[in-house]
Amino acid sequence: MNTLIFATNNENKVAEIRKVLGSLFEIVTLKEAGINIDIPEPHDTLEANATEKSGTIHQLTKKNVFSEDTGLETEALNGEPGVKSARYAGENRSFDANIDKLLIKLEDAENRKARFRTVISLVLNEVEYQFEGICEGTIIDERKGNNGFGYDPVFIPDGSNKTFAEMDTDEKNKYSHRKKAMSKMIHFLESRKA
């Protein structure tokens, strides 16, 4: 089986990706690869941060690796929190504090349109490829549901009446930005094997 290192320390993202990939690829986390570093995300685009993460781990291991960076982009706030989604309320990375800040900033906004955008960076045989996935939706004004992570309790994807946090992983994957980006990467990897 082909092995890919997934350059993340986020167990929630690992669980989502493993569900998508099934038995196609063996995913090795940073922890499983014995790598204990917090990769910086210093850039102002998702693309550049994804490249930073995959490039850092590829340099360390010389193995095939992929990473992703995801942001929530709201229309009323000119794309905020965007690339700063994980640290929107400060460096402590608190999901609740991030949601609180978002809801306060959107309090008087009529336009509550938002989208999740994921960019995957794959370094395969020394060459980088990128794949994007987008999920359009709406930010509601109170939390609903206990599943998922991040902004899932306040985000309803277009075509549903439930937040991501009210869905199980299979249902979320019908809409998920991460799943869309992963599907593009899987299609690419399968076409390379053919």
N, C-alpha and C. Protein backbone atom coordinates (compact mmCIF):
# COMPACT_ATOMS: atom_id res chain seq x y z
N MET A 1 0.83 -1.19 0.00
CA MET A 1 0.00 0.00 0.00
C MET A 1 0.87 1.25 0.00
N ASN A 2 0.41 2.28 -0.74
CA ASN A 2 1.14 3.54 -0.76
C ASN A 2 1.00 4.27 0.56
N THR A 3 2.07 4.86 1.01
CA THR A 3 2.06 5.59 2.27
C THR A 3 2.27 7.07 2.01
N LEU A 4 1.48 7.88 2.70
CA LEU A 4 1.62 9.33 2.63
C LEU A 4 1.70 9.86 4.06
N ILE A 5 2.65 10.73 4.32
CA ILE A 5 2.68 11.40 5.61
C ILE A 5 1.72 12.58 5.54
N PHE A 6 0.84 12.69 6.53
CA PHE A 6 -0.08 13.81 6.61
C PHE A 6 0.50 14.82 7.61
N ALA A 7 0.93 15.96 7.10
CA ALA A 7 1.64 16.94 7.93
C ALA A 7 0.67 17.75 8.78
N THR A 8 0.16 17.10 9.83
CA THR A 8 -0.73 17.78 10.76
C THR A 8 -0.60 17.17 12.15
N ASN A 9 -0.94 17.95 13.14
CA ASN A 9 -1.07 17.44 14.51
C ASN A 9 -2.53 17.42 14.94
N ASN A 10 -3.44 17.71 14.00
CA ASN A 10 -4.87 17.81 14.31
C ASN A 10 -5.55 16.44 14.11
N GLU A 11 -5.87 15.78 15.22
CA GLU A 11 -6.47 14.44 15.16
C GLU A 11 -7.83 14.43 14.47
N ASN A 12 -8.58 15.54 14.59
CA ASN A 12 -9.90 15.62 13.93
C ASN A 12 -9.73 15.56 12.41
N LYS A 13 -8.75 16.28 11.91
CA LYS A 13 -8.50 16.27 10.46
C LYS A 13 -8.03 14.90 10.01
N VAL A 14 -7.19 14.25 10.82
CA VAL A 14 -6.70 12.90 10.48
C VAL A 14 -7.87 11.94 10.36
N ALA A 15 -8.80 11.99 11.31
CA ALA A 15 -9.97 11.09 11.29
C ALA A 15 -10.80 11.32 10.04
N GLU A 16 -11.02 12.59 9.68
CA GLU A 16 -11.80 12.91 8.47
C GLU A 16 -11.12 12.36 7.22
N ILE A 17 -9.81 12.59 7.12
CA ILE A 17 -9.06 12.18 5.92
C ILE A 17 -9.02 10.66 5.80
N ARG A 18 -8.80 9.98 6.92
CA ARG A 18 -8.77 8.50 6.89
C ARG A 18 -10.10 7.94 6.42
N LYS A 19 -11.18 8.57 6.81
CA LYS A 19 -12.52 8.12 6.40
C LYS A 19 -12.67 8.25 4.88
N VAL A 20 -12.14 9.34 4.34
CA VAL A 20 -12.23 9.59 2.89
C VAL A 20 -11.35 8.62 2.11
N LEU A 21 -10.13 8.41 2.58
CA LEU A 21 -9.17 7.60 1.83
C LEU A 21 -9.41 6.10 1.96
N GLY A 22 -10.09 5.70 3.04
CA GLY A 22 -10.38 4.28 3.22
C GLY A 22 -9.12 3.44 3.14
N SER A 23 -9.14 2.46 2.26
CA SER A 23 -7.99 1.55 2.17
C SER A 23 -7.06 1.88 0.99
N LEU A 24 -7.30 3.04 0.35
CA LEU A 24 -6.48 3.40 -0.82
C LEU A 24 -5.04 3.71 -0.44
N PHE A 25 -4.88 4.41 0.67
CA PHE A 25 -3.55 4.82 1.09
C PHE A 25 -3.42 4.65 2.59
N GLU A 26 -2.20 4.37 3.01
CA GLU A 26 -1.94 4.39 4.44
C GLU A 26 -1.50 5.79 4.81
N ILE A 27 -2.24 6.40 5.74
CA ILE A 27 -1.90 7.74 6.19
C ILE A 27 -1.08 7.63 7.47
N VAL A 28 0.08 8.26 7.47
CA VAL A 28 0.95 8.28 8.64
C VAL A 28 0.94 9.71 9.19
N THR A 29 0.56 9.86 10.44
CA THR A 29 0.55 11.18 11.04
C THR A 29 1.95 11.59 11.46
N LEU A 30 2.12 12.86 11.77
CA LEU A 30 3.42 13.32 12.27
C LEU A 30 3.81 12.56 13.53
N LYS A 31 2.85 12.37 14.42
CA LYS A 31 3.11 11.65 15.67
C LYS A 31 3.59 10.23 15.37
N GLU A 32 2.88 9.56 14.45
CA GLU A 32 3.24 8.18 14.10
C GLU A 32 4.60 8.11 13.39
N ALA A 33 4.96 9.20 12.72
CA ALA A 33 6.26 9.25 12.04
C ALA A 33 7.37 9.69 13.00
N GLY A 34 7.01 9.94 14.25
CA GLY A 34 8.00 10.35 15.25
C GLY A 34 8.46 11.79 15.09
N ILE A 35 7.62 12.61 14.46
CA ILE A 35 7.97 14.02 14.25
C ILE A 35 7.16 14.87 15.23
N ASN A 36 7.86 15.56 16.10
CA ASN A 36 7.18 16.34 17.13
C ASN A 36 7.53 17.81 16.97
N ILE A 37 6.93 18.43 15.92
CA ILE A 37 7.15 19.86 15.73
C ILE A 37 5.82 20.53 15.43
N ASP A 38 5.73 21.79 15.75
CA ASP A 38 4.57 22.60 15.39
C ASP A 38 5.00 23.42 14.18
N ILE A 39 4.46 23.08 13.02
CA ILE A 39 4.90 23.74 11.79
C ILE A 39 4.31 25.15 11.73
N PRO A 40 5.13 26.17 11.49
CA PRO A 40 4.60 27.54 11.45
C PRO A 40 3.67 27.74 10.26
N GLU A 41 2.73 28.67 10.42
CA GLU A 41 1.83 29.08 9.35
C GLU A 41 1.95 30.59 9.20
N PRO A 42 3.10 31.06 8.69
CA PRO A 42 3.40 32.50 8.72
C PRO A 42 2.82 33.30 7.56
N HIS A 43 2.23 32.64 6.60
CA HIS A 43 1.87 33.32 5.34
C HIS A 43 0.45 33.86 5.37
N ASP A 44 0.14 34.71 4.37
CA ASP A 44 -1.19 35.32 4.35
C ASP A 44 -2.12 34.68 3.32
N THR A 45 -1.74 33.50 2.82
CA THR A 45 -2.66 32.73 1.97
C THR A 45 -2.67 31.27 2.41
N LEU A 46 -3.79 30.61 2.18
CA LEU A 46 -3.90 29.18 2.49
C LEU A 46 -2.89 28.39 1.66
N GLU A 47 -2.74 28.81 0.39
CA GLU A 47 -1.83 28.10 -0.52
C GLU A 47 -0.40 28.09 0.02
N ALA A 48 0.06 29.26 0.45
CA ALA A 48 1.45 29.37 0.93
C ALA A 48 1.65 28.60 2.23
N ASN A 49 0.65 28.64 3.12
CA ASN A 49 0.77 27.89 4.38
C ASN A 49 0.78 26.39 4.14
N ALA A 50 -0.05 25.92 3.20
CA ALA A 50 -0.06 24.49 2.87
C ALA A 50 1.30 24.06 2.32
N THR A 51 1.87 24.89 1.45
CA THR A 51 3.20 24.61 0.89
C THR A 51 4.26 24.58 1.98
N GLU A 52 4.18 25.52 2.92
CA GLU A 52 5.14 25.58 4.03
C GLU A 52 5.12 24.26 4.81
N LYS A 53 3.92 23.77 5.11
CA LYS A 53 3.79 22.56 5.94
C LYS A 53 4.30 21.32 5.21
N SER A 54 3.86 21.13 3.97
CA SER A 54 4.31 19.93 3.24
C SER A 54 5.80 20.00 2.95
N GLY A 55 6.29 21.20 2.61
CA GLY A 55 7.70 21.35 2.30
C GLY A 55 8.60 21.10 3.51
N THR A 56 8.16 21.58 4.67
CA THR A 56 8.93 21.38 5.91
C THR A 56 9.08 19.89 6.21
N ILE A 57 7.98 19.16 6.13
CA ILE A 57 8.02 17.73 6.48
C ILE A 57 8.75 16.93 5.40
N HIS A 58 8.60 17.33 4.14
CA HIS A 58 9.32 16.64 3.07
C HIS A 58 10.84 16.81 3.25
N GLN A 59 11.25 18.01 3.61
CA GLN A 59 12.69 18.26 3.85
C GLN A 59 13.22 17.38 4.98
N LEU A 60 12.41 17.20 6.01
CA LEU A 60 12.82 16.39 7.16
C LEU A 60 12.90 14.90 6.83
N THR A 61 11.93 14.43 6.04
CA THR A 61 11.77 12.97 5.87
C THR A 61 12.19 12.46 4.50
N LYS A 62 12.19 13.33 3.49
CA LYS A 62 12.43 12.95 2.09
C LYS A 62 11.36 11.98 1.58
N LYS A 63 10.20 11.96 2.23
CA LYS A 63 9.11 11.05 1.83
C LYS A 63 7.99 11.84 1.18
N ASN A 64 7.06 11.12 0.53
CA ASN A 64 5.87 11.75 -0.03
C ASN A 64 4.99 12.22 1.12
N VAL A 65 4.50 13.46 1.00
CA VAL A 65 3.78 14.06 2.12
C VAL A 65 2.69 14.98 1.57
N PHE A 66 1.62 15.12 2.35
CA PHE A 66 0.65 16.15 2.01
C PHE A 66 0.24 16.90 3.25
N SER A 67 -0.22 18.12 3.04
CA SER A 67 -0.70 18.95 4.13
C SER A 67 -1.91 19.69 3.62
N GLU A 68 -2.61 20.32 4.54
CA GLU A 68 -3.71 21.15 4.08
C GLU A 68 -3.81 22.36 4.98
N ASP A 69 -4.37 23.42 4.43
CA ASP A 69 -4.72 24.57 5.24
C ASP A 69 -6.14 24.94 4.86
N THR A 70 -6.92 25.24 5.88
CA THR A 70 -8.35 25.51 5.68
C THR A 70 -8.70 26.82 6.36
N GLY A 71 -9.55 27.59 5.69
CA GLY A 71 -10.03 28.82 6.29
C GLY A 71 -11.52 28.98 6.09
N LEU A 72 -12.14 29.67 7.04
CA LEU A 72 -13.53 30.08 6.89
C LEU A 72 -13.52 31.51 6.40
N GLU A 73 -14.19 31.76 5.28
CA GLU A 73 -14.19 33.10 4.68
C GLU A 73 -15.62 33.64 4.67
N THR A 74 -15.85 34.75 5.38
CA THR A 74 -17.20 35.33 5.44
C THR A 74 -17.27 36.57 4.55
N GLU A 75 -18.37 36.69 3.82
CA GLU A 75 -18.52 37.82 2.88
C GLU A 75 -18.60 39.15 3.62
N ALA A 76 -19.39 39.21 4.69
CA ALA A 76 -19.62 40.48 5.40
C ALA A 76 -18.35 41.02 6.05
N LEU A 77 -17.39 40.13 6.33
CA LEU A 77 -16.15 40.55 7.00
C LEU A 77 -14.97 40.53 6.04
N ASN A 78 -15.27 40.68 4.75
CA ASN A 78 -14.21 40.73 3.72
C ASN A 78 -13.27 39.52 3.78
N GLY A 79 -13.85 38.34 4.02
CA GLY A 79 -13.05 37.11 3.99
C GLY A 79 -12.50 36.68 5.33
N GLU A 80 -12.75 37.45 6.39
CA GLU A 80 -12.31 37.01 7.72
C GLU A 80 -13.13 35.79 8.15
N PRO A 81 -12.55 34.94 9.00
CA PRO A 81 -11.20 34.97 9.54
C PRO A 81 -10.15 34.44 8.56
N GLY A 82 -10.59 33.72 7.51
CA GLY A 82 -9.67 33.31 6.45
C GLY A 82 -8.48 32.52 6.94
N VAL A 83 -7.29 32.98 6.53
CA VAL A 83 -6.06 32.25 6.84
C VAL A 83 -5.78 32.23 8.36
N LYS A 84 -6.44 33.14 9.10
CA LYS A 84 -6.24 33.17 10.56
C LYS A 84 -7.33 32.39 11.31
N SER A 85 -8.06 31.55 10.63
CA SER A 85 -9.21 30.86 11.24
C SER A 85 -8.88 30.14 12.54
N ALA A 86 -7.77 29.43 12.60
CA ALA A 86 -7.44 28.64 13.80
C ALA A 86 -7.04 29.53 14.97
N ARG A 87 -6.53 30.72 14.66
CA ARG A 87 -6.03 31.61 15.73
C ARG A 87 -6.77 32.94 15.74
N TYR A 88 -8.01 32.94 15.30
CA TYR A 88 -8.79 34.17 15.12
C TYR A 88 -8.87 34.98 16.41
N ALA A 89 -9.09 34.32 17.53
CA ALA A 89 -9.25 35.01 18.81
C ALA A 89 -7.94 35.11 19.59
N GLY A 90 -6.84 34.68 18.97
CA GLY A 90 -5.56 34.73 19.66
C GLY A 90 -4.79 33.44 19.48
N GLU A 91 -3.58 33.42 19.96
CA GLU A 91 -2.68 32.30 19.73
C GLU A 91 -3.05 31.01 20.47
N ASN A 92 -4.00 31.08 21.41
CA ASN A 92 -4.29 29.87 22.20
C ASN A 92 -5.14 28.84 21.46
N ARG A 93 -5.61 29.16 20.24
CA ARG A 93 -6.36 28.21 19.41
C ARG A 93 -7.59 27.64 20.10
N SER A 94 -8.43 28.48 20.65
CA SER A 94 -9.66 28.03 21.30
C SER A 94 -10.82 28.10 20.31
N PHE A 95 -11.43 26.94 20.01
CA PHE A 95 -12.57 26.91 19.09
C PHE A 95 -13.69 27.83 19.59
N ASP A 96 -13.99 27.76 20.88
CA ASP A 96 -15.08 28.56 21.44
C ASP A 96 -14.81 30.05 21.34
N ALA A 97 -13.59 30.45 21.66
CA ALA A 97 -13.24 31.88 21.59
C ALA A 97 -13.30 32.38 20.14
N ASN A 98 -12.87 31.54 19.20
CA ASN A 98 -12.93 31.91 17.78
C ASN A 98 -14.38 32.11 17.34
N ILE A 99 -15.26 31.19 17.73
CA ILE A 99 -16.68 31.30 17.37
C ILE A 99 -17.28 32.54 18.00
N ASP A 100 -16.98 32.77 19.28
CA ASP A 100 -17.51 33.95 19.97
C ASP A 100 -17.13 35.23 19.23
N LYS A 101 -15.86 35.34 18.84
CA LYS A 101 -15.40 36.54 18.14
C LYS A 101 -16.14 36.70 16.81
N LEU A 102 -16.30 35.59 16.07
CA LEU A 102 -16.99 35.64 14.78
C LEU A 102 -18.44 36.09 14.96
N LEU A 103 -19.14 35.51 15.92
CA LEU A 103 -20.56 35.85 16.12
C LEU A 103 -20.73 37.30 16.56
N ILE A 104 -19.82 37.80 17.39
CA ILE A 104 -19.89 39.21 17.80
C ILE A 104 -19.68 40.12 16.59
N LYS A 105 -18.71 39.79 15.75
CA LYS A 105 -18.42 40.64 14.58
C LYS A 105 -19.56 40.59 13.55
N LEU A 106 -20.31 39.48 13.53
CA LEU A 106 -21.41 39.34 12.57
C LEU A 106 -22.77 39.73 13.16
N GLU A 107 -22.76 40.23 14.40
CA GLU A 107 -24.01 40.47 15.13
C GLU A 107 -25.05 41.25 14.34
N ASP A 108 -24.63 42.34 13.69
CA ASP A 108 -25.59 43.19 12.97
C ASP A 108 -25.57 42.95 11.46
N ALA A 109 -24.87 41.92 11.04
CA ALA A 109 -24.74 41.68 9.59
C ALA A 109 -25.97 40.96 9.03
N GLU A 110 -26.53 41.51 7.96
CA GLU A 110 -27.62 40.82 7.28
C GLU A 110 -27.06 39.70 6.40
N ASN A 111 -25.93 39.98 5.79
CA ASN A 111 -25.29 38.98 4.92
C ASN A 111 -24.47 38.03 5.80
N ARG A 112 -24.92 36.78 5.88
CA ARG A 112 -24.21 35.80 6.71
C ARG A 112 -23.61 34.67 5.86
N LYS A 113 -23.44 35.00 4.56
CA LYS A 113 -22.84 34.02 3.65
C LYS A 113 -21.37 33.79 4.01
N ALA A 114 -20.96 32.53 3.93
CA ALA A 114 -19.57 32.19 4.21
C ALA A 114 -19.20 30.95 3.41
N ARG A 115 -17.94 30.67 3.38
CA ARG A 115 -17.51 29.43 2.73
C ARG A 115 -16.28 28.91 3.45
N PHE A 116 -16.19 27.60 3.50
CA PHE A 116 -14.96 26.95 3.94
C PHE A 116 -14.13 26.67 2.69
N ARG A 117 -12.84 26.95 2.76
CA ARG A 117 -11.96 26.66 1.63
C ARG A 117 -10.75 25.91 2.14
N THR A 118 -10.47 24.77 1.51
CA THR A 118 -9.31 23.95 1.84
C THR A 118 -8.35 23.92 0.66
N VAL A 119 -7.07 24.08 0.96
CA VAL A 119 -6.03 23.90 -0.06
C VAL A 119 -5.11 22.78 0.44
N ILE A 120 -4.97 21.75 -0.39
CA ILE A 120 -4.05 20.65 -0.08
C ILE A 120 -2.79 20.82 -0.91
N SER A 121 -1.67 20.65 -0.25
CA SER A 121 -0.37 20.63 -0.93
C SER A 121 0.18 19.22 -0.83
N LEU A 122 0.42 18.61 -1.99
CA LEU A 122 0.98 17.26 -2.06
C LEU A 122 2.38 17.34 -2.64
N VAL A 123 3.35 16.81 -1.92
CA VAL A 123 4.71 16.69 -2.47
C VAL A 123 4.90 15.22 -2.80
N LEU A 124 4.96 14.94 -4.10
CA LEU A 124 5.06 13.57 -4.59
C LEU A 124 6.28 13.47 -5.50
N ASN A 125 7.21 12.62 -5.13
CA ASN A 125 8.44 12.47 -5.92
C ASN A 125 9.09 13.82 -6.23
N GLU A 126 9.21 14.63 -5.18
CA GLU A 126 9.91 15.92 -5.22
C GLU A 126 9.15 17.05 -5.91
N VAL A 127 7.93 16.79 -6.40
CA VAL A 127 7.16 17.83 -7.09
C VAL A 127 5.91 18.16 -6.28
N GLU A 128 5.59 19.46 -6.16
CA GLU A 128 4.39 19.87 -5.42
C GLU A 128 3.19 20.04 -6.35
N TYR A 129 2.04 19.58 -5.88
CA TYR A 129 0.76 19.76 -6.57
C TYR A 129 -0.23 20.32 -5.54
N GLN A 130 -1.17 21.16 -5.99
CA GLN A 130 -2.18 21.69 -5.07
C GLN A 130 -3.59 21.39 -5.56
N PHE A 131 -4.48 21.20 -4.58
CA PHE A 131 -5.88 20.86 -4.85
C PHE A 131 -6.76 21.70 -3.92
N GLU A 132 -7.84 22.25 -4.47
CA GLU A 132 -8.71 23.13 -3.69
C GLU A 132 -10.12 22.54 -3.56
N GLY A 133 -10.72 22.72 -2.39
CA GLY A 133 -12.11 22.33 -2.17
C GLY A 133 -12.84 23.46 -1.48
N ILE A 134 -14.07 23.75 -1.94
CA ILE A 134 -14.85 24.85 -1.38
C ILE A 134 -16.24 24.35 -0.99
N CYS A 135 -16.72 24.79 0.16
CA CYS A 135 -18.09 24.51 0.59
C CYS A 135 -18.75 25.83 0.95
N GLU A 136 -19.77 26.21 0.17
CA GLU A 136 -20.51 27.45 0.44
C GLU A 136 -21.55 27.19 1.52
N GLY A 137 -21.86 28.23 2.30
CA GLY A 137 -22.86 28.06 3.34
C GLY A 137 -23.19 29.36 4.04
N THR A 138 -23.72 29.22 5.26
CA THR A 138 -24.21 30.36 6.04
C THR A 138 -23.77 30.21 7.49
N ILE A 139 -23.48 31.33 8.12
CA ILE A 139 -23.17 31.34 9.56
C ILE A 139 -24.46 31.66 10.32
N ILE A 140 -24.84 30.78 11.24
CA ILE A 140 -26.01 31.04 12.07
C ILE A 140 -25.58 31.76 13.35
N ASP A 141 -26.56 32.25 14.12
CA ASP A 141 -26.18 33.12 15.25
C ASP A 141 -26.08 32.41 16.59
N GLU A 142 -26.20 31.07 16.59
CA GLU A 142 -25.98 30.31 17.83
C GLU A 142 -25.46 28.92 17.49
N ARG A 143 -24.74 28.34 18.42
CA ARG A 143 -24.16 27.01 18.19
C ARG A 143 -25.26 25.95 18.17
N LYS A 144 -25.07 24.97 17.27
CA LYS A 144 -25.95 23.79 17.23
C LYS A 144 -25.12 22.56 16.93
N GLY A 145 -25.27 21.51 17.75
CA GLY A 145 -24.58 20.25 17.51
C GLY A 145 -23.30 20.11 18.31
N ASN A 146 -22.88 18.87 18.48
CA ASN A 146 -21.70 18.56 19.30
C ASN A 146 -20.61 17.82 18.54
N ASN A 147 -20.81 17.56 17.24
CA ASN A 147 -19.80 16.84 16.47
C ASN A 147 -18.85 17.84 15.82
N GLY A 148 -17.84 17.30 15.16
CA GLY A 148 -16.93 18.15 14.40
C GLY A 148 -16.02 18.97 15.29
N PHE A 149 -15.51 20.07 14.71
CA PHE A 149 -14.55 20.91 15.41
C PHE A 149 -14.54 22.27 14.73
N GLY A 150 -13.79 23.19 15.31
CA GLY A 150 -13.67 24.52 14.70
C GLY A 150 -15.01 25.24 14.66
N TYR A 151 -15.35 25.76 13.49
CA TYR A 151 -16.57 26.56 13.33
C TYR A 151 -17.79 25.71 12.97
N ASP A 152 -17.65 24.39 13.01
CA ASP A 152 -18.74 23.49 12.61
C ASP A 152 -20.08 23.78 13.28
N PRO A 153 -20.12 24.17 14.58
CA PRO A 153 -21.42 24.38 15.22
C PRO A 153 -22.22 25.58 14.70
N VAL A 154 -21.57 26.49 13.95
CA VAL A 154 -22.31 27.67 13.47
C VAL A 154 -22.35 27.75 11.94
N PHE A 155 -21.91 26.70 11.25
CA PHE A 155 -21.86 26.72 9.78
C PHE A 155 -22.86 25.71 9.21
N ILE A 156 -23.80 26.20 8.41
CA ILE A 156 -24.74 25.32 7.69
C ILE A 156 -24.37 25.35 6.21
N PRO A 157 -24.00 24.20 5.64
CA PRO A 157 -23.65 24.19 4.21
C PRO A 157 -24.89 24.36 3.34
N ASP A 158 -24.73 25.01 2.20
CA ASP A 158 -25.84 25.14 1.25
C ASP A 158 -26.39 23.76 0.92
N GLY A 159 -27.72 23.64 0.90
CA GLY A 159 -28.35 22.36 0.58
C GLY A 159 -28.72 21.55 1.80
N SER A 160 -28.39 22.06 2.98
CA SER A 160 -28.72 21.35 4.23
C SER A 160 -29.40 22.33 5.19
N ASN A 161 -30.08 21.77 6.20
CA ASN A 161 -30.64 22.61 7.27
C ASN A 161 -29.96 22.31 8.59
N LYS A 162 -28.83 21.60 8.52
CA LYS A 162 -28.09 21.23 9.72
C LYS A 162 -26.70 21.85 9.69
N THR A 163 -26.16 22.15 10.87
CA THR A 163 -24.77 22.58 10.93
C THR A 163 -23.87 21.35 10.75
N PHE A 164 -22.63 21.61 10.41
CA PHE A 164 -21.66 20.50 10.33
C PHE A 164 -21.59 19.76 11.66
N ALA A 165 -21.76 20.47 12.77
CA ALA A 165 -21.65 19.84 14.10
C ALA A 165 -22.85 18.96 14.42
N GLU A 166 -23.94 19.07 13.64
CA GLU A 166 -25.10 18.19 13.83
C GLU A 166 -25.03 16.96 12.93
N MET A 167 -23.98 16.86 12.12
CA MET A 167 -23.84 15.76 11.17
C MET A 167 -22.80 14.75 11.67
N ASP A 168 -22.97 13.49 11.26
CA ASP A 168 -21.88 12.54 11.47
C ASP A 168 -20.89 12.70 10.32
N THR A 169 -19.78 12.01 10.39
CA THR A 169 -18.72 12.22 9.40
C THR A 169 -19.19 11.92 7.98
N ASP A 170 -19.98 10.84 7.81
CA ASP A 170 -20.46 10.48 6.46
C ASP A 170 -21.31 11.60 5.87
N GLU A 171 -22.21 12.16 6.68
CA GLU A 171 -23.08 13.22 6.18
C GLU A 171 -22.27 14.48 5.89
N LYS A 172 -21.35 14.81 6.77
CA LYS A 172 -20.51 16.00 6.56
C LYS A 172 -19.72 15.87 5.26
N ASN A 173 -19.25 14.66 4.98
CA ASN A 173 -18.43 14.45 3.78
C ASN A 173 -19.19 14.64 2.48
N LYS A 174 -20.54 14.66 2.54
CA LYS A 174 -21.32 14.96 1.33
C LYS A 174 -21.14 16.41 0.90
N TYR A 175 -20.79 17.26 1.85
CA TYR A 175 -20.65 18.69 1.58
C TYR A 175 -19.21 19.19 1.72
N SER A 176 -18.40 18.47 2.46
CA SER A 176 -17.14 18.97 3.00
C SER A 176 -16.15 19.49 1.96
N HIS A 177 -15.64 20.69 2.23
CA HIS A 177 -14.55 21.32 1.49
C HIS A 177 -13.31 20.42 1.50
N ARG A 178 -13.02 19.83 2.66
CA ARG A 178 -11.83 18.98 2.78
C ARG A 178 -12.01 17.72 1.92
N LYS A 179 -13.22 17.17 1.93
CA LYS A 179 -13.51 15.97 1.12
C LYS A 179 -13.36 16.30 -0.36
N LYS A 180 -13.84 17.49 -0.77
CA LYS A 180 -13.73 17.87 -2.19
C LYS A 180 -12.26 17.98 -2.62
N ALA A 181 -11.46 18.62 -1.78
CA ALA A 181 -10.03 18.74 -2.10
C ALA A 181 -9.35 17.38 -2.10
N MET A 182 -9.72 16.53 -1.12
CA MET A 182 -9.15 15.18 -1.05
C MET A 182 -9.53 14.35 -2.27
N SER A 183 -10.78 14.49 -2.71
CA SER A 183 -11.23 13.72 -3.88
C SER A 183 -10.42 14.08 -5.12
N LYS A 184 -10.09 15.38 -5.25
CA LYS A 184 -9.25 15.80 -6.38
C LYS A 184 -7.86 15.18 -6.26
N MET A 185 -7.33 15.15 -5.04
CA MET A 185 -6.00 14.56 -4.84
C MET A 185 -6.03 13.06 -5.13
N ILE A 186 -7.06 12.38 -4.65
CA ILE A 186 -7.18 10.93 -4.88
C ILE A 186 -7.28 10.63 -6.36
N HIS A 187 -8.10 11.40 -7.07
CA HIS A 187 -8.25 11.21 -8.52
C HIS A 187 -6.89 11.37 -9.20
N PHE A 188 -6.14 12.39 -8.78
CA PHE A 188 -4.82 12.62 -9.33
C PHE A 188 -3.89 11.45 -9.05
N LEU A 189 -3.88 10.96 -7.81
CA LEU A 189 -3.00 9.85 -7.43
C LEU A 189 -3.37 8.57 -8.18
N GLU A 190 -4.66 8.34 -8.35
CA GLU A 190 -5.10 7.14 -9.08
C GLU A 190 -4.73 7.23 -10.55
N SER A 191 -4.82 8.43 -11.11
CA SER A 191 -4.47 8.58 -12.54
C SER A 191 -2.97 8.37 -12.75
N ARG A 192 -2.17 8.66 -11.73
CA ARG A 192 -0.72 8.43 -11.85
C ARG A 192 -0.40 6.94 -11.83
N LYS A 193 -1.28 6.16 -11.18
CA LYS A 193 -1.04 4.71 -11.10
C LYS A 193 -1.46 4.00 -12.38
N ALA A 194 -2.45 4.61 -13.05
CA ALA A 194 -3.03 3.93 -14.23
C ALA A 194 -2.03 3.80 -15.36
